[in-house]
PDBML (XML) file of the C-alpha atoms, coordinates in Angstrom:
<?xml version="1.0" encoding="UTF-8" ?>
<PDBx:datablock datablockName="MODEL"
   xmlns:PDBx="http://pdbml.pdb.org/schema/pdbx-v50.xsd"
   xmlns:xsi="http://www.w3.org/2001/XMLSchema-instance"
   xsi:schemaLocation="http://pdbml.pdb.org/schema/pdbx-v50.xsd pdbx-v50.xsd">
   <PDBx:atom_siteCategory>
      <PDBx:atom_site id="1">
         <PDBx:B_iso_or_equiv>0.00</PDBx:B_iso_or_equiv>
         <PDBx:Cartn_x>-12.842</PDBx:Cartn_x>
         <PDBx:Cartn_y>17.321</PDBx:Cartn_y>
         <PDBx:Cartn_z>16.346</PDBx:Cartn_z>
         <PDBx:auth_asym_id>A</PDBx:auth_asym_id>
         <PDBx:auth_atom_id>CA</PDBx:auth_atom_id>
         <PDBx:auth_comp_id>GLY</PDBx:auth_comp_id>
         <PDBx:auth_seq_id>1</PDBx:auth_seq_id>
         <PDBx:group_PDB>ATOM</PDBx:group_PDB>
         <PDBx:label_alt_id xsi:nil="true" />
         <PDBx:label_asym_id>A</PDBx:label_asym_id>
         <PDBx:label_atom_id>CA</PDBx:label_atom_id>
         <PDBx:label_comp_id>GLY</PDBx:label_comp_id>
         <PDBx:label_entity_id>1</PDBx:label_entity_id>
         <PDBx:label_seq_id>1</PDBx:label_seq_id>
         <PDBx:occupancy>1.00</PDBx:occupancy>
         <PDBx:pdbx_PDB_model_num>1</PDBx:pdbx_PDB_model_num>
         <PDBx:type_symbol>C</PDBx:type_symbol>
      </PDBx:atom_site>
      <PDBx:atom_site id="2">
         <PDBx:B_iso_or_equiv>0.00</PDBx:B_iso_or_equiv>
         <PDBx:Cartn_x>-13.147</PDBx:Cartn_x>
         <PDBx:Cartn_y>13.550</PDBx:Cartn_y>
         <PDBx:Cartn_z>16.067</PDBx:Cartn_z>
         <PDBx:auth_asym_id>A</PDBx:auth_asym_id>
         <PDBx:auth_atom_id>CA</PDBx:auth_atom_id>
         <PDBx:auth_comp_id>ILE</PDBx:auth_comp_id>
         <PDBx:auth_seq_id>2</PDBx:auth_seq_id>
         <PDBx:group_PDB>ATOM</PDBx:group_PDB>
         <PDBx:label_alt_id xsi:nil="true" />
         <PDBx:label_asym_id>A</PDBx:label_asym_id>
         <PDBx:label_atom_id>CA</PDBx:label_atom_id>
         <PDBx:label_comp_id>ILE</PDBx:label_comp_id>
         <PDBx:label_entity_id>1</PDBx:label_entity_id>
         <PDBx:label_seq_id>2</PDBx:label_seq_id>
         <PDBx:occupancy>1.00</PDBx:occupancy>
         <PDBx:pdbx_PDB_model_num>1</PDBx:pdbx_PDB_model_num>
         <PDBx:type_symbol>C</PDBx:type_symbol>
      </PDBx:atom_site>
      <PDBx:atom_site id="3">
         <PDBx:B_iso_or_equiv>0.00</PDBx:B_iso_or_equiv>
         <PDBx:Cartn_x>-13.985</PDBx:Cartn_x>
         <PDBx:Cartn_y>13.936</PDBx:Cartn_y>
         <PDBx:Cartn_z>12.381</PDBx:Cartn_z>
         <PDBx:auth_asym_id>A</PDBx:auth_asym_id>
         <PDBx:auth_atom_id>CA</PDBx:auth_atom_id>
         <PDBx:auth_comp_id>GLU</PDBx:auth_comp_id>
         <PDBx:auth_seq_id>3</PDBx:auth_seq_id>
         <PDBx:group_PDB>ATOM</PDBx:group_PDB>
         <PDBx:label_alt_id xsi:nil="true" />
         <PDBx:label_asym_id>A</PDBx:label_asym_id>
         <PDBx:label_atom_id>CA</PDBx:label_atom_id>
         <PDBx:label_comp_id>GLU</PDBx:label_comp_id>
         <PDBx:label_entity_id>1</PDBx:label_entity_id>
         <PDBx:label_seq_id>3</PDBx:label_seq_id>
         <PDBx:occupancy>1.00</PDBx:occupancy>
         <PDBx:pdbx_PDB_model_num>1</PDBx:pdbx_PDB_model_num>
         <PDBx:type_symbol>C</PDBx:type_symbol>
      </PDBx:atom_site>
      <PDBx:atom_site id="4">
         <PDBx:B_iso_or_equiv>0.00</PDBx:B_iso_or_equiv>
         <PDBx:Cartn_x>-10.758</PDBx:Cartn_x>
         <PDBx:Cartn_y>15.830</PDBx:Cartn_y>
         <PDBx:Cartn_z>11.720</PDBx:Cartn_z>
         <PDBx:auth_asym_id>A</PDBx:auth_asym_id>
         <PDBx:auth_atom_id>CA</PDBx:auth_atom_id>
         <PDBx:auth_comp_id>ASP</PDBx:auth_comp_id>
         <PDBx:auth_seq_id>4</PDBx:auth_seq_id>
         <PDBx:group_PDB>ATOM</PDBx:group_PDB>
         <PDBx:label_alt_id xsi:nil="true" />
         <PDBx:label_asym_id>A</PDBx:label_asym_id>
         <PDBx:label_atom_id>CA</PDBx:label_atom_id>
         <PDBx:label_comp_id>ASP</PDBx:label_comp_id>
         <PDBx:label_entity_id>1</PDBx:label_entity_id>
         <PDBx:label_seq_id>4</PDBx:label_seq_id>
         <PDBx:occupancy>1.00</PDBx:occupancy>
         <PDBx:pdbx_PDB_model_num>1</PDBx:pdbx_PDB_model_num>
         <PDBx:type_symbol>C</PDBx:type_symbol>
      </PDBx:atom_site>
      <PDBx:atom_site id="5">
         <PDBx:B_iso_or_equiv>0.00</PDBx:B_iso_or_equiv>
         <PDBx:Cartn_x>-8.706</PDBx:Cartn_x>
         <PDBx:Cartn_y>13.264</PDBx:Cartn_y>
         <PDBx:Cartn_z>13.629</PDBx:Cartn_z>
         <PDBx:auth_asym_id>A</PDBx:auth_asym_id>
         <PDBx:auth_atom_id>CA</PDBx:auth_atom_id>
         <PDBx:auth_comp_id>THR</PDBx:auth_comp_id>
         <PDBx:auth_seq_id>5</PDBx:auth_seq_id>
         <PDBx:group_PDB>ATOM</PDBx:group_PDB>
         <PDBx:label_alt_id xsi:nil="true" />
         <PDBx:label_asym_id>A</PDBx:label_asym_id>
         <PDBx:label_atom_id>CA</PDBx:label_atom_id>
         <PDBx:label_comp_id>THR</PDBx:label_comp_id>
         <PDBx:label_entity_id>1</PDBx:label_entity_id>
         <PDBx:label_seq_id>5</PDBx:label_seq_id>
         <PDBx:occupancy>1.00</PDBx:occupancy>
         <PDBx:pdbx_PDB_model_num>1</PDBx:pdbx_PDB_model_num>
         <PDBx:type_symbol>C</PDBx:type_symbol>
      </PDBx:atom_site>
      <PDBx:atom_site id="6">
         <PDBx:B_iso_or_equiv>0.00</PDBx:B_iso_or_equiv>
         <PDBx:Cartn_x>-10.325</PDBx:Cartn_x>
         <PDBx:Cartn_y>10.396</PDBx:Cartn_y>
         <PDBx:Cartn_z>11.719</PDBx:Cartn_z>
         <PDBx:auth_asym_id>A</PDBx:auth_asym_id>
         <PDBx:auth_atom_id>CA</PDBx:auth_atom_id>
         <PDBx:auth_comp_id>ALA</PDBx:auth_comp_id>
         <PDBx:auth_seq_id>6</PDBx:auth_seq_id>
         <PDBx:group_PDB>ATOM</PDBx:group_PDB>
         <PDBx:label_alt_id xsi:nil="true" />
         <PDBx:label_asym_id>A</PDBx:label_asym_id>
         <PDBx:label_atom_id>CA</PDBx:label_atom_id>
         <PDBx:label_comp_id>ALA</PDBx:label_comp_id>
         <PDBx:label_entity_id>1</PDBx:label_entity_id>
         <PDBx:label_seq_id>6</PDBx:label_seq_id>
         <PDBx:occupancy>1.00</PDBx:occupancy>
         <PDBx:pdbx_PDB_model_num>1</PDBx:pdbx_PDB_model_num>
         <PDBx:type_symbol>C</PDBx:type_symbol>
      </PDBx:atom_site>
      <PDBx:atom_site id="7">
         <PDBx:B_iso_or_equiv>0.00</PDBx:B_iso_or_equiv>
         <PDBx:Cartn_x>-9.684</PDBx:Cartn_x>
         <PDBx:Cartn_y>12.227</PDBx:Cartn_y>
         <PDBx:Cartn_z>8.443</PDBx:Cartn_z>
         <PDBx:auth_asym_id>A</PDBx:auth_asym_id>
         <PDBx:auth_atom_id>CA</PDBx:auth_atom_id>
         <PDBx:auth_comp_id>ARG</PDBx:auth_comp_id>
         <PDBx:auth_seq_id>7</PDBx:auth_seq_id>
         <PDBx:group_PDB>ATOM</PDBx:group_PDB>
         <PDBx:label_alt_id xsi:nil="true" />
         <PDBx:label_asym_id>A</PDBx:label_asym_id>
         <PDBx:label_atom_id>CA</PDBx:label_atom_id>
         <PDBx:label_comp_id>ARG</PDBx:label_comp_id>
         <PDBx:label_entity_id>1</PDBx:label_entity_id>
         <PDBx:label_seq_id>7</PDBx:label_seq_id>
         <PDBx:occupancy>1.00</PDBx:occupancy>
         <PDBx:pdbx_PDB_model_num>1</PDBx:pdbx_PDB_model_num>
         <PDBx:type_symbol>C</PDBx:type_symbol>
      </PDBx:atom_site>
      <PDBx:atom_site id="8">
         <PDBx:B_iso_or_equiv>0.00</PDBx:B_iso_or_equiv>
         <PDBx:Cartn_x>-5.996</PDBx:Cartn_x>
         <PDBx:Cartn_y>12.756</PDBx:Cartn_y>
         <PDBx:Cartn_z>9.277</PDBx:Cartn_z>
         <PDBx:auth_asym_id>A</PDBx:auth_asym_id>
         <PDBx:auth_atom_id>CA</PDBx:auth_atom_id>
         <PDBx:auth_comp_id>ILE</PDBx:auth_comp_id>
         <PDBx:auth_seq_id>8</PDBx:auth_seq_id>
         <PDBx:group_PDB>ATOM</PDBx:group_PDB>
         <PDBx:label_alt_id xsi:nil="true" />
         <PDBx:label_asym_id>A</PDBx:label_asym_id>
         <PDBx:label_atom_id>CA</PDBx:label_atom_id>
         <PDBx:label_comp_id>ILE</PDBx:label_comp_id>
         <PDBx:label_entity_id>1</PDBx:label_entity_id>
         <PDBx:label_seq_id>8</PDBx:label_seq_id>
         <PDBx:occupancy>1.00</PDBx:occupancy>
         <PDBx:pdbx_PDB_model_num>1</PDBx:pdbx_PDB_model_num>
         <PDBx:type_symbol>C</PDBx:type_symbol>
      </PDBx:atom_site>
      <PDBx:atom_site id="9">
         <PDBx:B_iso_or_equiv>0.00</PDBx:B_iso_or_equiv>
         <PDBx:Cartn_x>-5.482</PDBx:Cartn_x>
         <PDBx:Cartn_y>9.120</PDBx:Cartn_y>
         <PDBx:Cartn_z>10.246</PDBx:Cartn_z>
         <PDBx:auth_asym_id>A</PDBx:auth_asym_id>
         <PDBx:auth_atom_id>CA</PDBx:auth_atom_id>
         <PDBx:auth_comp_id>LEU</PDBx:auth_comp_id>
         <PDBx:auth_seq_id>9</PDBx:auth_seq_id>
         <PDBx:group_PDB>ATOM</PDBx:group_PDB>
         <PDBx:label_alt_id xsi:nil="true" />
         <PDBx:label_asym_id>A</PDBx:label_asym_id>
         <PDBx:label_atom_id>CA</PDBx:label_atom_id>
         <PDBx:label_comp_id>LEU</PDBx:label_comp_id>
         <PDBx:label_entity_id>1</PDBx:label_entity_id>
         <PDBx:label_seq_id>9</PDBx:label_seq_id>
         <PDBx:occupancy>1.00</PDBx:occupancy>
         <PDBx:pdbx_PDB_model_num>1</PDBx:pdbx_PDB_model_num>
         <PDBx:type_symbol>C</PDBx:type_symbol>
      </PDBx:atom_site>
      <PDBx:atom_site id="10">
         <PDBx:B_iso_or_equiv>0.00</PDBx:B_iso_or_equiv>
         <PDBx:Cartn_x>-7.365</PDBx:Cartn_x>
         <PDBx:Cartn_y>8.028</PDBx:Cartn_y>
         <PDBx:Cartn_z>7.127</PDBx:Cartn_z>
         <PDBx:auth_asym_id>A</PDBx:auth_asym_id>
         <PDBx:auth_atom_id>CA</PDBx:auth_atom_id>
         <PDBx:auth_comp_id>GLY</PDBx:auth_comp_id>
         <PDBx:auth_seq_id>10</PDBx:auth_seq_id>
         <PDBx:group_PDB>ATOM</PDBx:group_PDB>
         <PDBx:label_alt_id xsi:nil="true" />
         <PDBx:label_asym_id>A</PDBx:label_asym_id>
         <PDBx:label_atom_id>CA</PDBx:label_atom_id>
         <PDBx:label_comp_id>GLY</PDBx:label_comp_id>
         <PDBx:label_entity_id>1</PDBx:label_entity_id>
         <PDBx:label_seq_id>10</PDBx:label_seq_id>
         <PDBx:occupancy>1.00</PDBx:occupancy>
         <PDBx:pdbx_PDB_model_num>1</PDBx:pdbx_PDB_model_num>
         <PDBx:type_symbol>C</PDBx:type_symbol>
      </PDBx:atom_site>
      <PDBx:atom_site id="11">
         <PDBx:B_iso_or_equiv>0.00</PDBx:B_iso_or_equiv>
         <PDBx:Cartn_x>-5.232</PDBx:Cartn_x>
         <PDBx:Cartn_y>10.208</PDBx:Cartn_y>
         <PDBx:Cartn_z>4.872</PDBx:Cartn_z>
         <PDBx:auth_asym_id>A</PDBx:auth_asym_id>
         <PDBx:auth_atom_id>CA</PDBx:auth_atom_id>
         <PDBx:auth_comp_id>LEU</PDBx:auth_comp_id>
         <PDBx:auth_seq_id>11</PDBx:auth_seq_id>
         <PDBx:group_PDB>ATOM</PDBx:group_PDB>
         <PDBx:label_alt_id xsi:nil="true" />
         <PDBx:label_asym_id>A</PDBx:label_asym_id>
         <PDBx:label_atom_id>CA</PDBx:label_atom_id>
         <PDBx:label_comp_id>LEU</PDBx:label_comp_id>
         <PDBx:label_entity_id>1</PDBx:label_entity_id>
         <PDBx:label_seq_id>11</PDBx:label_seq_id>
         <PDBx:occupancy>1.00</PDBx:occupancy>
         <PDBx:pdbx_PDB_model_num>1</PDBx:pdbx_PDB_model_num>
         <PDBx:type_symbol>C</PDBx:type_symbol>
      </PDBx:atom_site>
      <PDBx:atom_site id="12">
         <PDBx:B_iso_or_equiv>0.00</PDBx:B_iso_or_equiv>
         <PDBx:Cartn_x>-2.048</PDBx:Cartn_x>
         <PDBx:Cartn_y>8.941</PDBx:Cartn_y>
         <PDBx:Cartn_z>6.542</PDBx:Cartn_z>
         <PDBx:auth_asym_id>A</PDBx:auth_asym_id>
         <PDBx:auth_atom_id>CA</PDBx:auth_atom_id>
         <PDBx:auth_comp_id>LEU</PDBx:auth_comp_id>
         <PDBx:auth_seq_id>12</PDBx:auth_seq_id>
         <PDBx:group_PDB>ATOM</PDBx:group_PDB>
         <PDBx:label_alt_id xsi:nil="true" />
         <PDBx:label_asym_id>A</PDBx:label_asym_id>
         <PDBx:label_atom_id>CA</PDBx:label_atom_id>
         <PDBx:label_comp_id>LEU</PDBx:label_comp_id>
         <PDBx:label_entity_id>1</PDBx:label_entity_id>
         <PDBx:label_seq_id>12</PDBx:label_seq_id>
         <PDBx:occupancy>1.00</PDBx:occupancy>
         <PDBx:pdbx_PDB_model_num>1</PDBx:pdbx_PDB_model_num>
         <PDBx:type_symbol>C</PDBx:type_symbol>
      </PDBx:atom_site>
      <PDBx:atom_site id="13">
         <PDBx:B_iso_or_equiv>0.00</PDBx:B_iso_or_equiv>
         <PDBx:Cartn_x>-3.217</PDBx:Cartn_x>
         <PDBx:Cartn_y>5.352</PDBx:Cartn_y>
         <PDBx:Cartn_z>6.032</PDBx:Cartn_z>
         <PDBx:auth_asym_id>A</PDBx:auth_asym_id>
         <PDBx:auth_atom_id>CA</PDBx:auth_atom_id>
         <PDBx:auth_comp_id>TYR</PDBx:auth_comp_id>
         <PDBx:auth_seq_id>13</PDBx:auth_seq_id>
         <PDBx:group_PDB>ATOM</PDBx:group_PDB>
         <PDBx:label_alt_id xsi:nil="true" />
         <PDBx:label_asym_id>A</PDBx:label_asym_id>
         <PDBx:label_atom_id>CA</PDBx:label_atom_id>
         <PDBx:label_comp_id>TYR</PDBx:label_comp_id>
         <PDBx:label_entity_id>1</PDBx:label_entity_id>
         <PDBx:label_seq_id>13</PDBx:label_seq_id>
         <PDBx:occupancy>1.00</PDBx:occupancy>
         <PDBx:pdbx_PDB_model_num>1</PDBx:pdbx_PDB_model_num>
         <PDBx:type_symbol>C</PDBx:type_symbol>
      </PDBx:atom_site>
      <PDBx:atom_site id="14">
         <PDBx:B_iso_or_equiv>0.00</PDBx:B_iso_or_equiv>
         <PDBx:Cartn_x>-4.101</PDBx:Cartn_x>
         <PDBx:Cartn_y>6.064</PDBx:Cartn_y>
         <PDBx:Cartn_z>2.399</PDBx:Cartn_z>
         <PDBx:auth_asym_id>A</PDBx:auth_asym_id>
         <PDBx:auth_atom_id>CA</PDBx:auth_atom_id>
         <PDBx:auth_comp_id>LEU</PDBx:auth_comp_id>
         <PDBx:auth_seq_id>14</PDBx:auth_seq_id>
         <PDBx:group_PDB>ATOM</PDBx:group_PDB>
         <PDBx:label_alt_id xsi:nil="true" />
         <PDBx:label_asym_id>A</PDBx:label_asym_id>
         <PDBx:label_atom_id>CA</PDBx:label_atom_id>
         <PDBx:label_comp_id>LEU</PDBx:label_comp_id>
         <PDBx:label_entity_id>1</PDBx:label_entity_id>
         <PDBx:label_seq_id>14</PDBx:label_seq_id>
         <PDBx:occupancy>1.00</PDBx:occupancy>
         <PDBx:pdbx_PDB_model_num>1</PDBx:pdbx_PDB_model_num>
         <PDBx:type_symbol>C</PDBx:type_symbol>
      </PDBx:atom_site>
      <PDBx:atom_site id="15">
         <PDBx:B_iso_or_equiv>0.00</PDBx:B_iso_or_equiv>
         <PDBx:Cartn_x>-0.771</PDBx:Cartn_x>
         <PDBx:Cartn_y>7.803</PDBx:Cartn_y>
         <PDBx:Cartn_z>1.819</PDBx:Cartn_z>
         <PDBx:auth_asym_id>A</PDBx:auth_asym_id>
         <PDBx:auth_atom_id>CA</PDBx:auth_atom_id>
         <PDBx:auth_comp_id>GLY</PDBx:auth_comp_id>
         <PDBx:auth_seq_id>15</PDBx:auth_seq_id>
         <PDBx:group_PDB>ATOM</PDBx:group_PDB>
         <PDBx:label_alt_id xsi:nil="true" />
         <PDBx:label_asym_id>A</PDBx:label_asym_id>
         <PDBx:label_atom_id>CA</PDBx:label_atom_id>
         <PDBx:label_comp_id>GLY</PDBx:label_comp_id>
         <PDBx:label_entity_id>1</PDBx:label_entity_id>
         <PDBx:label_seq_id>15</PDBx:label_seq_id>
         <PDBx:occupancy>1.00</PDBx:occupancy>
         <PDBx:pdbx_PDB_model_num>1</PDBx:pdbx_PDB_model_num>
         <PDBx:type_symbol>C</PDBx:type_symbol>
      </PDBx:atom_site>
      <PDBx:atom_site id="16">
         <PDBx:B_iso_or_equiv>0.00</PDBx:B_iso_or_equiv>
         <PDBx:Cartn_x>1.221</PDBx:Cartn_x>
         <PDBx:Cartn_y>4.878</PDBx:Cartn_y>
         <PDBx:Cartn_z>3.210</PDBx:Cartn_z>
         <PDBx:auth_asym_id>A</PDBx:auth_asym_id>
         <PDBx:auth_atom_id>CA</PDBx:auth_atom_id>
         <PDBx:auth_comp_id>LEU</PDBx:auth_comp_id>
         <PDBx:auth_seq_id>16</PDBx:auth_seq_id>
         <PDBx:group_PDB>ATOM</PDBx:group_PDB>
         <PDBx:label_alt_id xsi:nil="true" />
         <PDBx:label_asym_id>A</PDBx:label_asym_id>
         <PDBx:label_atom_id>CA</PDBx:label_atom_id>
         <PDBx:label_comp_id>LEU</PDBx:label_comp_id>
         <PDBx:label_entity_id>1</PDBx:label_entity_id>
         <PDBx:label_seq_id>16</PDBx:label_seq_id>
         <PDBx:occupancy>1.00</PDBx:occupancy>
         <PDBx:pdbx_PDB_model_num>1</PDBx:pdbx_PDB_model_num>
         <PDBx:type_symbol>C</PDBx:type_symbol>
      </PDBx:atom_site>
      <PDBx:atom_site id="17">
         <PDBx:B_iso_or_equiv>0.00</PDBx:B_iso_or_equiv>
         <PDBx:Cartn_x>-0.777</PDBx:Cartn_x>
         <PDBx:Cartn_y>2.471</PDBx:Cartn_y>
         <PDBx:Cartn_z>1.048</PDBx:Cartn_z>
         <PDBx:auth_asym_id>A</PDBx:auth_asym_id>
         <PDBx:auth_atom_id>CA</PDBx:auth_atom_id>
         <PDBx:auth_comp_id>THR</PDBx:auth_comp_id>
         <PDBx:auth_seq_id>17</PDBx:auth_seq_id>
         <PDBx:group_PDB>ATOM</PDBx:group_PDB>
         <PDBx:label_alt_id xsi:nil="true" />
         <PDBx:label_asym_id>A</PDBx:label_asym_id>
         <PDBx:label_atom_id>CA</PDBx:label_atom_id>
         <PDBx:label_comp_id>THR</PDBx:label_comp_id>
         <PDBx:label_entity_id>1</PDBx:label_entity_id>
         <PDBx:label_seq_id>17</PDBx:label_seq_id>
         <PDBx:occupancy>1.00</PDBx:occupancy>
         <PDBx:pdbx_PDB_model_num>1</PDBx:pdbx_PDB_model_num>
         <PDBx:type_symbol>C</PDBx:type_symbol>
      </PDBx:atom_site>
      <PDBx:atom_site id="18">
         <PDBx:B_iso_or_equiv>0.00</PDBx:B_iso_or_equiv>
         <PDBx:Cartn_x>-0.150</PDBx:Cartn_x>
         <PDBx:Cartn_y>4.557</PDBx:Cartn_y>
         <PDBx:Cartn_z>-2.069</PDBx:Cartn_z>
         <PDBx:auth_asym_id>A</PDBx:auth_asym_id>
         <PDBx:auth_atom_id>CA</PDBx:auth_atom_id>
         <PDBx:auth_comp_id>ALA</PDBx:auth_comp_id>
         <PDBx:auth_seq_id>18</PDBx:auth_seq_id>
         <PDBx:group_PDB>ATOM</PDBx:group_PDB>
         <PDBx:label_alt_id xsi:nil="true" />
         <PDBx:label_asym_id>A</PDBx:label_asym_id>
         <PDBx:label_atom_id>CA</PDBx:label_atom_id>
         <PDBx:label_comp_id>ALA</PDBx:label_comp_id>
         <PDBx:label_entity_id>1</PDBx:label_entity_id>
         <PDBx:label_seq_id>18</PDBx:label_seq_id>
         <PDBx:occupancy>1.00</PDBx:occupancy>
         <PDBx:pdbx_PDB_model_num>1</PDBx:pdbx_PDB_model_num>
         <PDBx:type_symbol>C</PDBx:type_symbol>
      </PDBx:atom_site>
      <PDBx:atom_site id="19">
         <PDBx:B_iso_or_equiv>0.00</PDBx:B_iso_or_equiv>
         <PDBx:Cartn_x>3.571</PDBx:Cartn_x>
         <PDBx:Cartn_y>4.752</PDBx:Cartn_y>
         <PDBx:Cartn_z>-1.250</PDBx:Cartn_z>
         <PDBx:auth_asym_id>A</PDBx:auth_asym_id>
         <PDBx:auth_atom_id>CA</PDBx:auth_atom_id>
         <PDBx:auth_comp_id>ALA</PDBx:auth_comp_id>
         <PDBx:auth_seq_id>19</PDBx:auth_seq_id>
         <PDBx:group_PDB>ATOM</PDBx:group_PDB>
         <PDBx:label_alt_id xsi:nil="true" />
         <PDBx:label_asym_id>A</PDBx:label_asym_id>
         <PDBx:label_atom_id>CA</PDBx:label_atom_id>
         <PDBx:label_comp_id>ALA</PDBx:label_comp_id>
         <PDBx:label_entity_id>1</PDBx:label_entity_id>
         <PDBx:label_seq_id>19</PDBx:label_seq_id>
         <PDBx:occupancy>1.00</PDBx:occupancy>
         <PDBx:pdbx_PDB_model_num>1</PDBx:pdbx_PDB_model_num>
         <PDBx:type_symbol>C</PDBx:type_symbol>
      </PDBx:atom_site>
      <PDBx:atom_site id="20">
         <PDBx:B_iso_or_equiv>0.00</PDBx:B_iso_or_equiv>
         <PDBx:Cartn_x>3.759</PDBx:Cartn_x>
         <PDBx:Cartn_y>0.977</PDBx:Cartn_y>
         <PDBx:Cartn_z>-0.794</PDBx:Cartn_z>
         <PDBx:auth_asym_id>A</PDBx:auth_asym_id>
         <PDBx:auth_atom_id>CA</PDBx:auth_atom_id>
         <PDBx:auth_comp_id>ALA</PDBx:auth_comp_id>
         <PDBx:auth_seq_id>20</PDBx:auth_seq_id>
         <PDBx:group_PDB>ATOM</PDBx:group_PDB>
         <PDBx:label_alt_id xsi:nil="true" />
         <PDBx:label_asym_id>A</PDBx:label_asym_id>
         <PDBx:label_atom_id>CA</PDBx:label_atom_id>
         <PDBx:label_comp_id>ALA</PDBx:label_comp_id>
         <PDBx:label_entity_id>1</PDBx:label_entity_id>
         <PDBx:label_seq_id>20</PDBx:label_seq_id>
         <PDBx:occupancy>1.00</PDBx:occupancy>
         <PDBx:pdbx_PDB_model_num>1</PDBx:pdbx_PDB_model_num>
         <PDBx:type_symbol>C</PDBx:type_symbol>
      </PDBx:atom_site>
      <PDBx:atom_site id="21">
         <PDBx:B_iso_or_equiv>0.00</PDBx:B_iso_or_equiv>
         <PDBx:Cartn_x>1.969</PDBx:Cartn_x>
         <PDBx:Cartn_y>0.360</PDBx:Cartn_y>
         <PDBx:Cartn_z>-4.105</PDBx:Cartn_z>
         <PDBx:auth_asym_id>A</PDBx:auth_asym_id>
         <PDBx:auth_atom_id>CA</PDBx:auth_atom_id>
         <PDBx:auth_comp_id>ALA</PDBx:auth_comp_id>
         <PDBx:auth_seq_id>21</PDBx:auth_seq_id>
         <PDBx:group_PDB>ATOM</PDBx:group_PDB>
         <PDBx:label_alt_id xsi:nil="true" />
         <PDBx:label_asym_id>A</PDBx:label_asym_id>
         <PDBx:label_atom_id>CA</PDBx:label_atom_id>
         <PDBx:label_comp_id>ALA</PDBx:label_comp_id>
         <PDBx:label_entity_id>1</PDBx:label_entity_id>
         <PDBx:label_seq_id>21</PDBx:label_seq_id>
         <PDBx:occupancy>1.00</PDBx:occupancy>
         <PDBx:pdbx_PDB_model_num>1</PDBx:pdbx_PDB_model_num>
         <PDBx:type_symbol>C</PDBx:type_symbol>
      </PDBx:atom_site>
      <PDBx:atom_site id="22">
         <PDBx:B_iso_or_equiv>0.00</PDBx:B_iso_or_equiv>
         <PDBx:Cartn_x>4.266</PDBx:Cartn_x>
         <PDBx:Cartn_y>2.799</PDBx:Cartn_y>
         <PDBx:Cartn_z>-5.920</PDBx:Cartn_z>
         <PDBx:auth_asym_id>A</PDBx:auth_asym_id>
         <PDBx:auth_atom_id>CA</PDBx:auth_atom_id>
         <PDBx:auth_comp_id>ALA</PDBx:auth_comp_id>
         <PDBx:auth_seq_id>22</PDBx:auth_seq_id>
         <PDBx:group_PDB>ATOM</PDBx:group_PDB>
         <PDBx:label_alt_id xsi:nil="true" />
         <PDBx:label_asym_id>A</PDBx:label_asym_id>
         <PDBx:label_atom_id>CA</PDBx:label_atom_id>
         <PDBx:label_comp_id>ALA</PDBx:label_comp_id>
         <PDBx:label_entity_id>1</PDBx:label_entity_id>
         <PDBx:label_seq_id>22</PDBx:label_seq_id>
         <PDBx:occupancy>1.00</PDBx:occupancy>
         <PDBx:pdbx_PDB_model_num>1</PDBx:pdbx_PDB_model_num>
         <PDBx:type_symbol>C</PDBx:type_symbol>
      </PDBx:atom_site>
      <PDBx:atom_site id="23">
         <PDBx:B_iso_or_equiv>0.00</PDBx:B_iso_or_equiv>
         <PDBx:Cartn_x>7.439</PDBx:Cartn_x>
         <PDBx:Cartn_y>1.248</PDBx:Cartn_y>
         <PDBx:Cartn_z>-4.516</PDBx:Cartn_z>
         <PDBx:auth_asym_id>A</PDBx:auth_asym_id>
         <PDBx:auth_atom_id>CA</PDBx:auth_atom_id>
         <PDBx:auth_comp_id>ILE</PDBx:auth_comp_id>
         <PDBx:auth_seq_id>23</PDBx:auth_seq_id>
         <PDBx:group_PDB>ATOM</PDBx:group_PDB>
         <PDBx:label_alt_id xsi:nil="true" />
         <PDBx:label_asym_id>A</PDBx:label_asym_id>
         <PDBx:label_atom_id>CA</PDBx:label_atom_id>
         <PDBx:label_comp_id>ILE</PDBx:label_comp_id>
         <PDBx:label_entity_id>1</PDBx:label_entity_id>
         <PDBx:label_seq_id>23</PDBx:label_seq_id>
         <PDBx:occupancy>1.00</PDBx:occupancy>
         <PDBx:pdbx_PDB_model_num>1</PDBx:pdbx_PDB_model_num>
         <PDBx:type_symbol>C</PDBx:type_symbol>
      </PDBx:atom_site>
      <PDBx:atom_site id="24">
         <PDBx:B_iso_or_equiv>0.00</PDBx:B_iso_or_equiv>
         <PDBx:Cartn_x>6.328</PDBx:Cartn_x>
         <PDBx:Cartn_y>-2.308</PDBx:Cartn_y>
         <PDBx:Cartn_z>-5.290</PDBx:Cartn_z>
         <PDBx:auth_asym_id>A</PDBx:auth_asym_id>
         <PDBx:auth_atom_id>CA</PDBx:auth_atom_id>
         <PDBx:auth_comp_id>LEU</PDBx:auth_comp_id>
         <PDBx:auth_seq_id>24</PDBx:auth_seq_id>
         <PDBx:group_PDB>ATOM</PDBx:group_PDB>
         <PDBx:label_alt_id xsi:nil="true" />
         <PDBx:label_asym_id>A</PDBx:label_asym_id>
         <PDBx:label_atom_id>CA</PDBx:label_atom_id>
         <PDBx:label_comp_id>LEU</PDBx:label_comp_id>
         <PDBx:label_entity_id>1</PDBx:label_entity_id>
         <PDBx:label_seq_id>24</PDBx:label_seq_id>
         <PDBx:occupancy>1.00</PDBx:occupancy>
         <PDBx:pdbx_PDB_model_num>1</PDBx:pdbx_PDB_model_num>
         <PDBx:type_symbol>C</PDBx:type_symbol>
      </PDBx:atom_site>
   </PDBx:atom_siteCategory>
</PDBx:datablock>
């Protein structure tokens, strides 16, 4: 489903952002 795909991409985007914030 489109909703599931959007959710996965959103979570990946959020995870990368959190990782960047933590490293900085």
